[in-house]
Amino acid sequence: MESLKKTRDFKQVYNHRRSKANRLLVLYVKKGGLSASRLGVSISRKVGTAVVRNRIKRLIKEHIRLREEELVPGFDMVVVVRRAIPKDINFEQIGQSLLNLLDRQKVLMQPGFARREAWD
C-alpha cells in the first residue's frame, strides 16, 4: 500500500465527497487511476501530543497493512481521526472502527468476489 503525501492528492479525495464516519474515524474514498491503493491519515494537533498522534497513525497503517489483501485495489483512501478518539486506544479498537468503515465504503472484498458493483 502506497501513501498519499501531497496536499493535492488529499484534496482530490476530500472533494470526491464519498465519506463514511463513526465515533472515532472518518473514511474518505475515491477510485484512483492506479492499480495499487493509497492511504493517507489526517490527525489534528488537538488530538494530543506528537507521540500520541504518531502512535494512532501507526496503529491505523498497521491495521491496513495486515488487511491489504482483503481490500479492492485501486482506491485512494484518507482516514481522518476525530478528536473523540481516546489517547490510549488499542489496536483492536482501531481495527473494529476501521473495519466497520471499510465495509460500509464497500472497499473490502467478499470471499469469492470483489464488491465493485457499487463503484462501476
Protein backbone atom coordinates (compact mmCIF):
# COMPACT_ATOMS: atom_id res chain seq x y z
CA MET A 1 0.00 0.00 0.00
CA GLU A 2 1.38 3.36 -1.01
CA SER A 3 0.93 6.60 0.91
CA LEU A 4 -0.88 9.75 -0.06
CA LYS A 5 1.57 12.56 0.60
CA LYS A 6 0.69 15.59 -1.48
CA THR A 7 -1.96 18.08 -0.43
CA ARG A 8 -3.37 17.88 -3.96
CA ASP A 9 -3.99 14.13 -3.55
CA PHE A 10 -5.75 14.63 -0.21
CA LYS A 11 -7.93 17.39 -1.67
CA GLN A 12 -8.96 15.21 -4.62
CA VAL A 13 -10.17 12.51 -2.22
CA TYR A 14 -11.97 15.05 0.00
CA ASN A 15 -13.63 16.73 -2.98
CA HIS A 16 -14.97 13.41 -4.24
CA ARG A 17 -17.27 13.64 -1.19
CA ARG A 18 -17.69 9.95 -0.56
CA SER A 19 -17.28 9.50 3.16
CA LYS A 20 -18.48 7.34 5.99
CA ALA A 21 -17.95 8.10 9.64
CA ASN A 22 -18.25 6.61 13.07
CA ARG A 23 -17.46 7.91 16.53
CA LEU A 24 -13.66 7.65 16.14
CA LEU A 25 -12.82 7.94 12.45
CA VAL A 26 -13.97 9.32 9.10
CA LEU A 27 -13.04 7.43 5.92
CA TYR A 28 -12.98 9.21 2.56
CA VAL A 29 -12.66 7.04 -0.55
CA LYS A 30 -12.08 7.81 -4.20
CA LYS A 31 -11.47 5.40 -7.03
CA GLY A 32 -7.91 6.10 -8.14
CA GLY A 33 -6.28 5.74 -11.51
CA LEU A 34 -3.58 3.42 -10.19
CA SER A 35 -3.62 -0.35 -9.78
CA ALA A 36 -2.47 -0.06 -6.15
CA SER A 37 -4.44 1.53 -3.36
CA ARG A 38 -3.07 4.53 -1.49
CA LEU A 39 -3.68 5.60 2.11
CA GLY A 40 -3.42 8.94 3.86
CA VAL A 41 -4.00 9.62 7.53
CA SER A 42 -5.03 13.04 8.81
CA ILE A 43 -4.95 13.82 12.51
CA SER A 44 -5.33 17.21 14.17
CA ARG A 45 -2.97 18.58 16.80
CA LYS A 46 -6.00 18.83 19.06
CA VAL A 47 -5.99 15.03 19.40
CA GLY A 48 -2.86 15.01 21.55
CA THR A 49 0.87 15.32 21.60
CA ALA A 50 3.05 14.25 18.68
CA VAL A 51 3.74 10.95 20.42
CA VAL A 52 0.01 10.19 20.73
CA ARG A 53 -0.75 11.28 17.15
CA ASN A 54 2.06 9.21 15.68
CA ARG A 55 1.03 6.15 17.70
CA ILE A 56 -2.53 6.39 16.38
CA LYS A 57 -1.25 6.80 12.81
CA ARG A 58 0.98 3.74 13.20
CA LEU A 59 -1.94 1.67 14.51
CA ILE A 60 -4.12 2.67 11.54
CA LYS A 61 -1.39 1.99 8.99
CA GLU A 62 -0.53 -1.37 10.56
CA HIS A 63 -4.16 -2.45 10.55
CA ILE A 64 -4.48 -1.53 6.85
CA ARG A 65 -1.20 -3.34 6.08
CA LEU A 66 -2.48 -6.54 7.69
CA ARG A 67 -5.74 -6.35 5.69
CA GLU A 68 -4.22 -5.21 2.41
CA GLU A 69 -5.06 -8.45 0.59
CA GLU A 70 -8.73 -8.05 1.55
CA LEU A 71 -9.01 -4.57 0.02
CA VAL A 72 -10.25 -3.97 -3.50
CA PRO A 73 -7.23 -2.47 -5.33
CA GLY A 74 -7.18 0.93 -6.98
CA PHE A 75 -8.65 3.20 -4.31
CA ASP A 76 -7.31 6.35 -2.67
CA MET A 77 -8.36 6.46 0.98
CA VAL A 78 -7.99 9.14 3.64
CA VAL A 79 -8.63 8.32 7.29
CA VAL A 80 -9.42 11.36 9.41
CA VAL A 81 -9.05 10.81 13.14
CA ARG A 82 -11.69 12.53 15.23
CA ARG A 83 -10.92 14.40 18.43
CA ALA A 84 -13.13 12.00 20.41
CA ILE A 85 -10.60 9.18 19.97
CA PRO A 86 -9.16 8.00 23.30
CA LYS A 87 -5.47 8.72 23.64
CA ASP A 88 -4.86 5.20 24.98
CA ILE A 89 -6.83 3.42 22.24
CA ASN A 90 -5.62 -0.09 21.48
CA PHE A 91 -5.08 -1.97 18.23
CA GLU A 92 -8.34 -3.93 18.45
CA GLN A 93 -10.48 -0.82 18.95
CA ILE A 94 -8.89 0.95 15.97
CA GLY A 95 -9.30 -2.24 13.95
CA GLN A 96 -13.00 -2.59 14.70
CA SER A 97 -13.68 1.05 13.89
CA LEU A 98 -11.66 0.95 10.67
CA LEU A 99 -13.09 -2.40 9.55
CA ASN A 100 -16.61 -1.06 10.03
CA LEU A 101 -15.84 1.93 7.77
CA LEU A 102 -14.05 -0.15 5.11
CA ASP A 103 -17.03 -2.48 4.91
CA ARG A 104 -19.53 0.40 4.71
CA GLN A 105 -17.47 2.01 1.92
CA LYS A 106 -17.51 -1.32 0.03
CA VAL A 107 -13.75 -1.50 -0.41
CA LEU A 108 -13.43 -4.90 1.28
CA MET A 109 -13.54 -7.99 -0.90
CA GLN A 110 -16.01 -10.67 -0.01
CA PRO A 111 -14.81 -14.27 -0.22
CA GLY A 112 -15.11 -15.34 -3.84
CA PHE A 113 -15.80 -11.96 -5.44
CA ALA A 114 -14.83 -8.31 -5.30
CA ARG A 115 -17.52 -5.85 -4.26
CA ARG A 116 -17.01 -3.49 -7.20
CA GLU A 117 -20.63 -3.18 -8.28
CA ALA A 118 -21.15 -0.06 -6.17
CA TRP A 119 -18.27 1.68 -7.97
CA ASP A 120 -18.81 0.69 -11.62
